[in-house]
């Protein structure tokens, strides 16, 4: 674990959403509105709209990109990203400076989402139920060093706050996360 990972892990460990069984899809969720939210989240990320993308997250958010498998223990094994809300905010501040080497200049990106499924409801420790959604994706990245095609499965947890959909959890499992990966600097 890196020297920054230990304090982060201690903070994130208390915020990781419960892994209880999925319940039924909570009332009030429509497939089309969920799709539109996911498409918007992808567009904001692709177009480097850092303020818009960051505003989608809840205060207790967790963003996870595992390495070496889909269901590793992120507190015991290295992850590509394992960020709580504070770390997401810090990452966005770094990117906004324009001095983040991995994204200077920013990648040209386009994501395609498909096979979007409303998987069920997951209890939130503070009360209520988040909607868990699964989707497959392909992301095309173009940079001076060449082009990359990324594919995988994303699990999202969505929550309504003051009538707006927000992202409380995002887990991106790359198809080839068991192999050495070139820089993933575009993963904000």
N, C-alpha and C. Protein backbone atom coordinates (compact mmCIF):
# COMPACT_ATOMS: atom_id res chain seq x y z
N UNK A 1 0.85 -1.17 0.00
CA UNK A 1 0.00 0.00 0.00
C UNK A 1 0.89 1.24 0.00
N UNK A 2 0.59 2.20 -0.84
CA UNK A 2 1.42 3.40 -0.91
C UNK A 2 1.27 4.21 0.38
N UNK A 3 2.20 5.19 0.57
CA UNK A 3 2.14 5.97 1.80
C UNK A 3 0.87 6.80 1.88
N UNK A 4 0.29 7.18 0.74
CA UNK A 4 -0.97 7.92 0.80
C UNK A 4 -2.16 6.98 0.91
N UNK A 5 -1.99 5.73 0.54
CA UNK A 5 -3.11 4.79 0.55
C UNK A 5 -3.53 4.42 1.96
N UNK A 6 -2.59 4.31 2.91
CA UNK A 6 -2.96 3.89 4.27
C UNK A 6 -3.92 4.87 4.93
N UNK A 7 -3.62 6.20 4.97
CA UNK A 7 -4.59 7.12 5.57
C UNK A 7 -5.90 7.16 4.78
N UNK A 8 -5.80 7.09 3.45
CA UNK A 8 -6.99 7.10 2.63
C UNK A 8 -7.83 5.87 2.92
N UNK A 9 -7.18 4.71 3.01
CA UNK A 9 -7.91 3.47 3.28
C UNK A 9 -8.66 3.55 4.60
N UNK A 10 -8.03 4.13 5.60
CA UNK A 10 -8.70 4.25 6.90
C UNK A 10 -9.94 5.12 6.79
N UNK A 11 -9.87 6.18 6.00
CA UNK A 11 -11.00 7.06 5.81
C UNK A 11 -12.08 6.39 4.98
N UNK A 12 -11.68 5.76 3.89
CA UNK A 12 -12.63 5.17 2.97
C UNK A 12 -13.29 3.94 3.57
N UNK A 13 -12.55 3.17 4.37
CA UNK A 13 -13.09 1.93 4.91
C UNK A 13 -14.40 2.16 5.65
N UNK A 14 -14.52 3.28 6.32
CA UNK A 14 -15.73 3.55 7.07
C UNK A 14 -16.85 4.04 6.16
N UNK A 15 -16.51 4.41 4.92
CA UNK A 15 -17.51 4.95 4.01
C UNK A 15 -17.94 3.97 2.94
N UNK A 16 -17.27 2.84 2.82
CA UNK A 16 -17.62 1.91 1.76
C UNK A 16 -19.04 1.41 1.96
N UNK A 17 -19.85 1.46 0.91
CA UNK A 17 -21.24 1.04 1.03
C UNK A 17 -21.35 -0.41 1.50
N UNK A 18 -22.39 -0.67 2.26
CA UNK A 18 -22.62 -2.01 2.78
C UNK A 18 -22.76 -3.01 1.65
N UNK A 19 -22.29 -4.20 1.89
CA UNK A 19 -22.34 -5.24 0.87
C UNK A 19 -23.47 -6.23 1.14
N UNK A 20 -24.57 -5.74 1.74
CA UNK A 20 -25.70 -6.61 1.97
C UNK A 20 -26.30 -7.01 0.62
N UNK A 21 -27.22 -7.94 0.68
CA UNK A 21 -27.84 -8.43 -0.55
C UNK A 21 -28.65 -7.33 -1.21
N UNK A 22 -28.71 -7.39 -2.51
CA UNK A 22 -29.55 -6.44 -3.25
C UNK A 22 -31.01 -6.74 -2.98
N UNK A 23 -31.76 -5.67 -2.77
CA UNK A 23 -33.20 -5.80 -2.65
C UNK A 23 -33.84 -5.46 -3.99
N UNK A 24 -35.14 -5.33 -3.99
CA UNK A 24 -35.82 -4.96 -5.23
C UNK A 24 -35.46 -3.53 -5.65
N UNK A 25 -35.69 -3.23 -6.92
CA UNK A 25 -35.47 -1.87 -7.41
C UNK A 25 -36.38 -0.94 -6.60
N UNK A 26 -35.80 0.11 -6.00
CA UNK A 26 -36.63 1.04 -5.21
C UNK A 26 -37.68 1.71 -6.09
N UNK A 27 -38.80 2.07 -5.49
CA UNK A 27 -39.88 2.76 -6.20
C UNK A 27 -39.39 4.11 -6.72
N UNK A 28 -39.97 4.51 -7.84
CA UNK A 28 -39.73 5.86 -8.35
C UNK A 28 -38.60 5.99 -9.35
N UNK A 29 -37.96 4.89 -9.72
CA UNK A 29 -36.86 4.95 -10.68
C UNK A 29 -37.34 4.47 -12.04
N UNK A 30 -37.06 5.26 -13.06
CA UNK A 30 -37.40 4.91 -14.44
C UNK A 30 -36.12 4.66 -15.22
N UNK A 31 -36.13 3.63 -16.04
CA UNK A 31 -34.94 3.25 -16.81
C UNK A 31 -34.43 4.42 -17.64
N UNK A 32 -35.31 5.13 -18.29
CA UNK A 32 -34.89 6.23 -19.18
C UNK A 32 -34.18 7.34 -18.43
N UNK A 33 -34.67 7.72 -17.24
CA UNK A 33 -34.01 8.79 -16.49
C UNK A 33 -32.64 8.31 -15.99
N UNK A 34 -32.52 7.04 -15.64
CA UNK A 34 -31.24 6.49 -15.21
C UNK A 34 -30.26 6.50 -16.38
N UNK A 35 -30.72 6.06 -17.55
CA UNK A 35 -29.86 6.09 -18.74
C UNK A 35 -29.38 7.51 -19.03
N UNK A 36 -30.29 8.47 -18.98
CA UNK A 36 -29.93 9.86 -19.27
C UNK A 36 -28.89 10.38 -18.27
N UNK A 37 -29.02 10.02 -17.00
CA UNK A 37 -28.02 10.42 -16.00
C UNK A 37 -26.66 9.80 -16.33
N UNK A 38 -26.63 8.51 -16.64
CA UNK A 38 -25.36 7.84 -16.95
C UNK A 38 -24.73 8.41 -18.22
N UNK A 39 -25.54 8.69 -19.22
CA UNK A 39 -25.02 9.29 -20.45
C UNK A 39 -24.42 10.67 -20.15
N UNK A 40 -25.09 11.43 -19.30
CA UNK A 40 -24.60 12.77 -18.94
C UNK A 40 -23.27 12.66 -18.17
N UNK A 41 -23.20 11.73 -17.22
CA UNK A 41 -21.96 11.54 -16.45
C UNK A 41 -20.80 11.21 -17.39
N UNK A 42 -21.04 10.31 -18.36
CA UNK A 42 -20.00 9.95 -19.33
C UNK A 42 -19.60 11.15 -20.19
N UNK A 43 -20.58 11.92 -20.65
CA UNK A 43 -20.29 13.09 -21.48
C UNK A 43 -19.47 14.13 -20.72
N UNK A 44 -19.86 14.41 -19.48
CA UNK A 44 -19.10 15.38 -18.68
C UNK A 44 -17.65 14.94 -18.52
N UNK A 45 -17.44 13.65 -18.26
CA UNK A 45 -16.07 13.13 -18.13
C UNK A 45 -15.33 13.22 -19.46
N UNK A 46 -15.99 12.81 -20.54
CA UNK A 46 -15.36 12.83 -21.86
C UNK A 46 -14.97 14.23 -22.30
N UNK A 47 -15.77 15.21 -21.94
CA UNK A 47 -15.55 16.59 -22.39
C UNK A 47 -14.77 17.42 -21.37
N UNK A 48 -14.19 16.74 -20.38
CA UNK A 48 -13.36 17.42 -19.37
C UNK A 48 -14.09 18.53 -18.65
N UNK A 49 -15.39 18.33 -18.42
CA UNK A 49 -16.17 19.29 -17.63
C UNK A 49 -16.03 18.86 -16.17
N UNK A 50 -14.91 19.23 -15.57
CA UNK A 50 -14.55 18.76 -14.23
C UNK A 50 -15.52 19.26 -13.17
N UNK A 51 -15.98 20.50 -13.28
CA UNK A 51 -16.93 21.03 -12.31
C UNK A 51 -18.26 20.28 -12.39
N UNK A 52 -18.75 20.10 -13.60
CA UNK A 52 -20.01 19.38 -13.79
C UNK A 52 -19.93 17.95 -13.33
N UNK A 53 -18.82 17.28 -13.67
CA UNK A 53 -18.64 15.88 -13.28
C UNK A 53 -18.55 15.75 -11.76
N UNK A 54 -17.76 16.61 -11.14
CA UNK A 54 -17.60 16.53 -9.68
C UNK A 54 -18.91 16.81 -8.95
N UNK A 55 -19.75 17.67 -9.50
CA UNK A 55 -21.02 18.02 -8.85
C UNK A 55 -22.00 16.85 -8.80
N UNK A 56 -21.76 15.81 -9.57
CA UNK A 56 -22.66 14.66 -9.59
C UNK A 56 -22.53 13.76 -8.36
N UNK A 57 -21.45 13.90 -7.61
CA UNK A 57 -21.15 12.96 -6.52
C UNK A 57 -21.79 13.38 -5.19
N UNK A 58 -22.16 12.37 -4.39
CA UNK A 58 -22.66 12.61 -3.04
C UNK A 58 -21.48 12.87 -2.11
N UNK A 59 -21.77 13.36 -0.92
CA UNK A 59 -20.71 13.64 0.06
C UNK A 59 -20.04 12.38 0.59
N UNK A 60 -20.72 11.23 0.53
CA UNK A 60 -20.16 9.97 1.02
C UNK A 60 -19.72 9.05 -0.13
N UNK A 61 -19.44 9.64 -1.28
CA UNK A 61 -19.14 8.87 -2.50
C UNK A 61 -17.88 8.03 -2.38
N UNK A 62 -17.86 6.98 -3.20
CA UNK A 62 -16.69 6.12 -3.35
C UNK A 62 -16.53 5.79 -4.83
N UNK A 63 -15.32 5.99 -5.35
CA UNK A 63 -14.99 5.72 -6.76
C UNK A 63 -13.87 4.70 -6.75
N UNK A 64 -14.13 3.53 -7.37
CA UNK A 64 -13.19 2.41 -7.28
C UNK A 64 -12.93 1.80 -8.64
N UNK A 65 -11.65 1.66 -8.99
CA UNK A 65 -11.23 0.95 -10.18
C UNK A 65 -10.25 -0.13 -9.70
N UNK A 66 -10.74 -1.37 -9.51
CA UNK A 66 -9.86 -2.43 -9.00
C UNK A 66 -8.81 -2.85 -10.03
N UNK A 67 -7.73 -3.40 -9.54
CA UNK A 67 -6.68 -3.99 -10.38
C UNK A 67 -6.52 -5.44 -9.97
N UNK A 68 -6.30 -6.32 -10.94
CA UNK A 68 -6.03 -7.71 -10.62
C UNK A 68 -7.25 -8.53 -10.27
N UNK A 69 -8.41 -8.11 -10.69
CA UNK A 69 -9.64 -8.85 -10.43
C UNK A 69 -10.79 -7.91 -10.18
N UNK A 70 -12.00 -8.48 -10.16
CA UNK A 70 -13.19 -7.65 -9.98
C UNK A 70 -13.54 -7.45 -8.52
N UNK A 71 -13.29 -8.43 -7.70
CA UNK A 71 -13.74 -8.37 -6.31
C UNK A 71 -12.60 -8.51 -5.32
N UNK A 72 -11.53 -7.81 -5.57
CA UNK A 72 -10.39 -7.81 -4.65
C UNK A 72 -10.75 -7.02 -3.40
N UNK A 73 -10.00 -7.19 -2.36
CA UNK A 73 -10.16 -6.37 -1.16
C UNK A 73 -9.32 -5.11 -1.35
N UNK A 74 -9.95 -3.96 -1.56
CA UNK A 74 -9.19 -2.74 -1.86
C UNK A 74 -8.34 -2.25 -0.69
N UNK A 75 -8.59 -2.75 0.51
CA UNK A 75 -7.78 -2.35 1.65
C UNK A 75 -6.54 -3.23 1.79
N UNK A 76 -6.51 -4.35 1.07
CA UNK A 76 -5.37 -5.27 1.15
C UNK A 76 -4.59 -5.35 -0.16
N UNK A 77 -5.20 -4.98 -1.28
CA UNK A 77 -4.56 -5.07 -2.59
C UNK A 77 -4.62 -3.72 -3.29
N UNK A 78 -3.69 -3.52 -4.18
CA UNK A 78 -3.61 -2.25 -4.92
C UNK A 78 -4.80 -2.12 -5.86
N UNK A 79 -5.32 -0.92 -5.94
CA UNK A 79 -6.36 -0.57 -6.91
C UNK A 79 -5.82 0.54 -7.79
N UNK A 80 -6.37 0.66 -9.00
CA UNK A 80 -6.01 1.77 -9.87
C UNK A 80 -6.50 3.07 -9.23
N UNK A 81 -7.75 3.06 -8.75
CA UNK A 81 -8.34 4.18 -8.02
C UNK A 81 -9.18 3.60 -6.89
N UNK A 82 -9.09 4.20 -5.74
CA UNK A 82 -9.96 3.88 -4.61
C UNK A 82 -10.11 5.17 -3.81
N UNK A 83 -11.04 6.00 -4.26
CA UNK A 83 -11.16 7.36 -3.76
C UNK A 83 -12.47 7.62 -3.05
N UNK A 84 -12.37 8.26 -1.89
CA UNK A 84 -13.56 8.77 -1.23
C UNK A 84 -13.85 10.17 -1.80
N UNK A 85 -14.85 10.82 -1.27
CA UNK A 85 -15.26 12.13 -1.81
C UNK A 85 -14.17 13.17 -1.71
N UNK A 86 -13.43 13.19 -0.61
CA UNK A 86 -12.35 14.17 -0.47
C UNK A 86 -11.27 13.95 -1.51
N UNK A 87 -10.95 12.71 -1.80
CA UNK A 87 -9.92 12.41 -2.80
C UNK A 87 -10.41 12.75 -4.21
N UNK A 88 -11.69 12.53 -4.47
CA UNK A 88 -12.26 12.94 -5.77
C UNK A 88 -12.09 14.44 -5.93
N UNK A 89 -12.41 15.19 -4.88
CA UNK A 89 -12.29 16.66 -4.92
C UNK A 89 -10.83 17.07 -5.17
N UNK A 90 -9.89 16.42 -4.47
CA UNK A 90 -8.47 16.73 -4.64
C UNK A 90 -8.01 16.43 -6.06
N UNK A 91 -8.43 15.30 -6.60
CA UNK A 91 -8.08 14.92 -7.97
C UNK A 91 -8.55 15.97 -8.97
N UNK A 92 -9.78 16.46 -8.76
CA UNK A 92 -10.34 17.47 -9.66
C UNK A 92 -9.56 18.78 -9.55
N UNK A 93 -9.16 19.15 -8.35
CA UNK A 93 -8.34 20.36 -8.18
C UNK A 93 -7.03 20.22 -8.96
N UNK A 94 -6.41 19.05 -8.87
CA UNK A 94 -5.15 18.82 -9.58
C UNK A 94 -5.34 18.93 -11.09
N UNK A 95 -6.41 18.33 -11.60
CA UNK A 95 -6.66 18.35 -13.04
C UNK A 95 -6.94 19.77 -13.51
N UNK A 96 -7.67 20.55 -12.72
CA UNK A 96 -8.02 21.92 -13.11
C UNK A 96 -6.80 22.83 -13.22
N UNK A 97 -5.69 22.50 -12.57
CA UNK A 97 -4.49 23.35 -12.66
C UNK A 97 -3.89 23.33 -14.05
N UNK A 98 -4.18 22.28 -14.83
CA UNK A 98 -3.58 22.13 -16.16
C UNK A 98 -2.16 21.61 -16.09
N UNK A 99 -1.69 21.30 -14.89
CA UNK A 99 -0.30 20.84 -14.71
C UNK A 99 -0.22 19.35 -14.39
N UNK A 100 -1.31 18.64 -14.53
CA UNK A 100 -1.29 17.21 -14.27
C UNK A 100 -0.70 16.53 -15.50
N UNK A 101 0.52 16.03 -15.37
CA UNK A 101 1.29 15.53 -16.50
C UNK A 101 0.53 14.50 -17.32
N UNK A 102 -0.14 13.58 -16.65
CA UNK A 102 -0.83 12.50 -17.37
C UNK A 102 -1.96 13.04 -18.25
N UNK A 103 -2.41 14.27 -18.00
CA UNK A 103 -3.50 14.84 -18.78
C UNK A 103 -3.17 16.23 -19.29
N UNK A 104 -1.93 16.42 -19.73
CA UNK A 104 -1.51 17.68 -20.32
C UNK A 104 -0.92 17.37 -21.70
N UNK A 105 -1.64 17.59 -22.75
CA UNK A 105 -3.02 18.06 -22.84
C UNK A 105 -4.00 16.92 -22.53
N UNK A 106 -5.27 17.27 -22.24
CA UNK A 106 -6.26 16.24 -21.92
C UNK A 106 -6.49 15.28 -23.09
N UNK A 107 -6.81 14.05 -22.74
CA UNK A 107 -7.16 13.05 -23.75
C UNK A 107 -8.44 13.44 -24.47
N UNK A 108 -8.53 13.06 -25.73
CA UNK A 108 -9.79 13.13 -26.46
C UNK A 108 -10.48 11.80 -26.21
N UNK A 109 -11.67 11.84 -25.67
CA UNK A 109 -12.38 10.63 -25.24
C UNK A 109 -13.81 10.58 -25.76
N UNK A 110 -14.27 9.37 -25.93
CA UNK A 110 -15.69 9.10 -26.14
C UNK A 110 -15.99 7.73 -25.57
N UNK A 111 -17.04 7.69 -24.75
CA UNK A 111 -17.51 6.45 -24.13
C UNK A 111 -18.83 6.05 -24.75
N UNK A 112 -19.03 4.76 -24.86
CA UNK A 112 -20.31 4.21 -25.27
C UNK A 112 -20.77 3.30 -24.14
N UNK A 113 -21.96 3.56 -23.64
CA UNK A 113 -22.54 2.73 -22.59
C UNK A 113 -23.60 1.83 -23.19
N UNK A 114 -23.69 0.61 -22.68
CA UNK A 114 -24.71 -0.31 -23.16
C UNK A 114 -25.06 -1.32 -22.09
N UNK A 115 -26.07 -2.13 -22.39
CA UNK A 115 -26.53 -3.17 -21.48
C UNK A 115 -26.80 -2.60 -20.09
N UNK A 116 -27.44 -1.44 -20.04
CA UNK A 116 -27.74 -0.78 -18.77
C UNK A 116 -28.88 -1.54 -18.09
N UNK A 117 -28.62 -1.96 -16.85
CA UNK A 117 -29.60 -2.73 -16.09
C UNK A 117 -29.82 -2.12 -14.71
N UNK A 118 -31.07 -2.00 -14.30
CA UNK A 118 -31.39 -1.64 -12.93
C UNK A 118 -31.31 -2.93 -12.14
N UNK A 119 -30.29 -3.04 -11.28
CA UNK A 119 -30.01 -4.30 -10.60
C UNK A 119 -30.78 -4.48 -9.30
N UNK A 120 -31.10 -3.40 -8.62
CA UNK A 120 -31.83 -3.51 -7.37
C UNK A 120 -31.50 -2.37 -6.44
N UNK A 121 -31.92 -2.51 -5.20
CA UNK A 121 -31.67 -1.49 -4.19
C UNK A 121 -30.65 -1.98 -3.18
N UNK A 122 -29.83 -1.05 -2.71
CA UNK A 122 -28.83 -1.37 -1.70
C UNK A 122 -29.00 -0.38 -0.54
N UNK A 123 -29.11 -0.92 0.67
CA UNK A 123 -29.30 -0.07 1.86
C UNK A 123 -28.10 0.84 2.07
N UNK A 124 -28.39 2.04 2.53
CA UNK A 124 -27.37 3.03 2.86
C UNK A 124 -27.27 3.08 4.38
N UNK A 125 -26.04 3.02 4.95
CA UNK A 125 -25.90 3.02 6.41
C UNK A 125 -26.59 4.20 7.10
N UNK A 126 -26.68 5.34 6.42
CA UNK A 126 -27.31 6.52 7.03
C UNK A 126 -28.81 6.54 6.82
N UNK A 127 -29.34 5.51 6.17
CA UNK A 127 -30.78 5.42 5.91
C UNK A 127 -31.08 5.56 4.44
N UNK A 128 -32.17 4.96 4.03
CA UNK A 128 -32.57 5.01 2.63
C UNK A 128 -31.96 3.88 1.83
N UNK A 129 -32.24 3.92 0.54
CA UNK A 129 -31.78 2.88 -0.37
C UNK A 129 -31.28 3.50 -1.65
N UNK A 130 -30.08 3.12 -2.05
CA UNK A 130 -29.53 3.55 -3.35
C UNK A 130 -29.97 2.57 -4.42
N UNK A 131 -30.12 3.05 -5.63
CA UNK A 131 -30.39 2.20 -6.78
C UNK A 131 -29.05 1.72 -7.33
N UNK A 132 -28.88 0.41 -7.46
CA UNK A 132 -27.67 -0.13 -8.07
C UNK A 132 -27.94 -0.43 -9.53
N UNK A 133 -27.02 0.04 -10.37
CA UNK A 133 -27.15 -0.07 -11.82
C UNK A 133 -25.87 -0.67 -12.37
N UNK A 134 -25.99 -1.53 -13.37
CA UNK A 134 -24.82 -2.07 -14.05
C UNK A 134 -24.85 -1.66 -15.51
N UNK A 135 -23.67 -1.46 -16.10
CA UNK A 135 -23.59 -1.10 -17.52
C UNK A 135 -22.24 -1.55 -18.07
N UNK A 136 -22.24 -1.96 -19.31
CA UNK A 136 -20.99 -2.22 -20.02
C UNK A 136 -20.56 -0.93 -20.70
N UNK A 137 -19.25 -0.80 -20.96
CA UNK A 137 -18.78 0.40 -21.65
C UNK A 137 -17.60 0.07 -22.55
N UNK A 138 -17.46 0.90 -23.56
CA UNK A 138 -16.25 0.98 -24.37
C UNK A 138 -15.85 2.45 -24.35
N UNK A 139 -14.57 2.71 -24.12
CA UNK A 139 -14.07 4.08 -24.13
C UNK A 139 -12.91 4.15 -25.12
N UNK A 140 -13.00 5.10 -26.02
CA UNK A 140 -11.94 5.33 -26.99
C UNK A 140 -11.16 6.55 -26.53
N UNK A 141 -9.85 6.38 -26.32
CA UNK A 141 -8.98 7.47 -25.88
C UNK A 141 -7.95 7.75 -26.97
N UNK A 142 -7.84 9.00 -27.36
CA UNK A 142 -6.84 9.43 -28.33
C UNK A 142 -5.88 10.42 -27.67
N UNK A 143 -4.59 10.09 -27.75
CA UNK A 143 -3.54 10.94 -27.17
C UNK A 143 -2.37 10.96 -28.14
N UNK A 144 -1.44 11.85 -27.88
CA UNK A 144 -0.25 11.94 -28.73
C UNK A 144 0.50 10.61 -28.77
N UNK A 145 0.47 9.86 -27.67
CA UNK A 145 1.20 8.58 -27.61
C UNK A 145 0.48 7.47 -28.37
N UNK A 146 -0.74 7.74 -28.82
CA UNK A 146 -1.50 6.74 -29.57
C UNK A 146 -2.93 6.62 -29.06
N UNK A 147 -3.61 5.64 -29.58
CA UNK A 147 -5.00 5.41 -29.23
C UNK A 147 -5.12 4.17 -28.36
N UNK A 148 -6.09 4.21 -27.48
CA UNK A 148 -6.39 3.07 -26.61
C UNK A 148 -7.89 2.82 -26.64
N UNK A 149 -8.25 1.55 -26.58
CA UNK A 149 -9.63 1.16 -26.45
C UNK A 149 -9.78 0.45 -25.11
N UNK A 150 -10.65 0.99 -24.26
CA UNK A 150 -10.87 0.45 -22.92
C UNK A 150 -12.28 -0.14 -22.88
N UNK A 151 -12.41 -1.29 -22.27
CA UNK A 151 -13.73 -1.89 -22.13
C UNK A 151 -13.89 -2.46 -20.74
N UNK A 152 -15.14 -2.54 -20.30
CA UNK A 152 -15.38 -3.12 -18.99
C UNK A 152 -16.81 -3.01 -18.56
N UNK A 153 -17.00 -3.20 -17.28
CA UNK A 153 -18.31 -3.18 -16.64
C UNK A 153 -18.27 -2.17 -15.50
N UNK A 154 -19.26 -1.32 -15.43
CA UNK A 154 -19.35 -0.34 -14.35
C UNK A 154 -20.59 -0.62 -13.51
N UNK A 155 -20.38 -0.57 -12.21
CA UNK A 155 -21.50 -0.63 -11.27
C UNK A 155 -21.64 0.75 -10.65
N UNK A 156 -22.83 1.28 -10.71
CA UNK A 156 -23.14 2.59 -10.16
C UNK A 156 -24.14 2.42 -9.03
N UNK A 157 -24.08 3.31 -8.06
CA UNK A 157 -25.16 3.43 -7.07
C UNK A 157 -25.62 4.87 -7.13
N UNK A 158 -26.92 5.02 -7.35
CA UNK A 158 -27.52 6.33 -7.52
C UNK A 158 -28.46 6.63 -6.36
N UNK A 159 -28.52 7.91 -6.02
CA UNK A 159 -29.35 8.36 -4.90
C UNK A 159 -30.02 9.67 -5.30
N UNK A 160 -31.24 9.84 -4.87
CA UNK A 160 -31.92 11.13 -5.08
C UNK A 160 -31.65 12.02 -3.88
N UNK A 161 -31.20 13.23 -4.17
CA UNK A 161 -30.98 14.24 -3.13
C UNK A 161 -31.67 15.51 -3.61
N UNK A 162 -32.65 15.96 -2.85
CA UNK A 162 -33.44 17.13 -3.22
C UNK A 162 -33.97 17.03 -4.65
N UNK A 163 -34.43 15.83 -5.01
CA UNK A 163 -35.02 15.61 -6.32
C UNK A 163 -34.03 15.39 -7.45
N UNK A 164 -32.75 15.53 -7.19
CA UNK A 164 -31.71 15.35 -8.21
C UNK A 164 -31.02 14.01 -8.03
N UNK A 165 -30.67 13.36 -9.13
CA UNK A 165 -29.93 12.11 -9.05
C UNK A 165 -28.46 12.43 -8.81
N UNK A 166 -27.87 11.71 -7.87
CA UNK A 166 -26.45 11.86 -7.56
C UNK A 166 -25.80 10.49 -7.54
N UNK A 167 -24.49 10.48 -7.72
CA UNK A 167 -23.69 9.27 -7.79
C UNK A 167 -23.03 9.04 -6.44
N UNK A 168 -23.36 7.92 -5.78
CA UNK A 168 -22.77 7.63 -4.48
C UNK A 168 -21.66 6.58 -4.56
N UNK A 169 -21.61 5.84 -5.66
CA UNK A 169 -20.63 4.76 -5.80
C UNK A 169 -20.44 4.50 -7.29
N UNK A 170 -19.18 4.31 -7.67
CA UNK A 170 -18.87 3.92 -9.04
C UNK A 170 -17.70 2.97 -8.99
N UNK A 171 -17.91 1.77 -9.52
CA UNK A 171 -16.86 0.76 -9.60
C UNK A 171 -16.68 0.39 -11.06
N UNK A 172 -15.48 0.63 -11.58
CA UNK A 172 -15.17 0.36 -12.97
C UNK A 172 -14.23 -0.85 -13.02
N UNK A 173 -14.72 -1.95 -13.57
CA UNK A 173 -13.91 -3.16 -13.70
C UNK A 173 -13.51 -3.29 -15.17
N UNK A 174 -12.24 -2.99 -15.45
CA UNK A 174 -11.72 -3.11 -16.81
C UNK A 174 -11.60 -4.58 -17.18
N UNK A 175 -11.90 -4.89 -18.42
CA UNK A 175 -11.82 -6.27 -18.90
C UNK A 175 -10.42 -6.84 -18.69
N UNK A 176 -9.41 -6.02 -18.91
CA UNK A 176 -8.02 -6.49 -18.83
C UNK A 176 -7.30 -5.96 -17.59
N UNK A 177 -8.01 -5.83 -16.48
CA UNK A 177 -7.38 -5.27 -15.28
C UNK A 177 -6.40 -6.23 -14.61
N UNK A 178 -6.30 -7.43 -15.14
CA UNK A 178 -5.33 -8.39 -14.61
C UNK A 178 -3.98 -8.28 -15.33
N UNK A 179 -3.89 -7.35 -16.29
CA UNK A 179 -2.66 -7.14 -17.05
C UNK A 179 -2.06 -5.78 -16.72
N UNK A 180 -0.80 -5.61 -17.10
CA UNK A 180 -0.18 -4.30 -16.95
C UNK A 180 -0.94 -3.30 -17.80
N UNK A 181 -1.26 -2.14 -17.22
CA UNK A 181 -2.06 -1.14 -17.91
C UNK A 181 -1.21 0.10 -18.19
N UNK A 182 -1.36 0.68 -19.38
CA UNK A 182 -0.72 1.98 -19.61
C UNK A 182 -1.45 3.01 -18.77
N UNK A 183 -0.96 4.23 -18.77
CA UNK A 183 -1.55 5.27 -17.92
C UNK A 183 -3.06 5.39 -18.13
N UNK A 184 -3.74 5.57 -17.04
CA UNK A 184 -5.19 5.79 -17.08
C UNK A 184 -5.48 7.18 -16.53
N UNK A 185 -4.66 8.14 -16.91
CA UNK A 185 -4.78 9.50 -16.38
C UNK A 185 -6.12 10.15 -16.65
N UNK A 186 -6.82 9.68 -17.69
CA UNK A 186 -8.11 10.28 -18.00
C UNK A 186 -9.17 9.91 -16.98
N UNK A 187 -8.90 8.93 -16.13
CA UNK A 187 -9.88 8.51 -15.12
C UNK A 187 -9.96 9.51 -13.98
N UNK A 188 -9.93 10.75 -14.30
CA UNK A 188 -10.05 11.85 -13.35
C UNK A 188 -9.73 11.49 -11.92
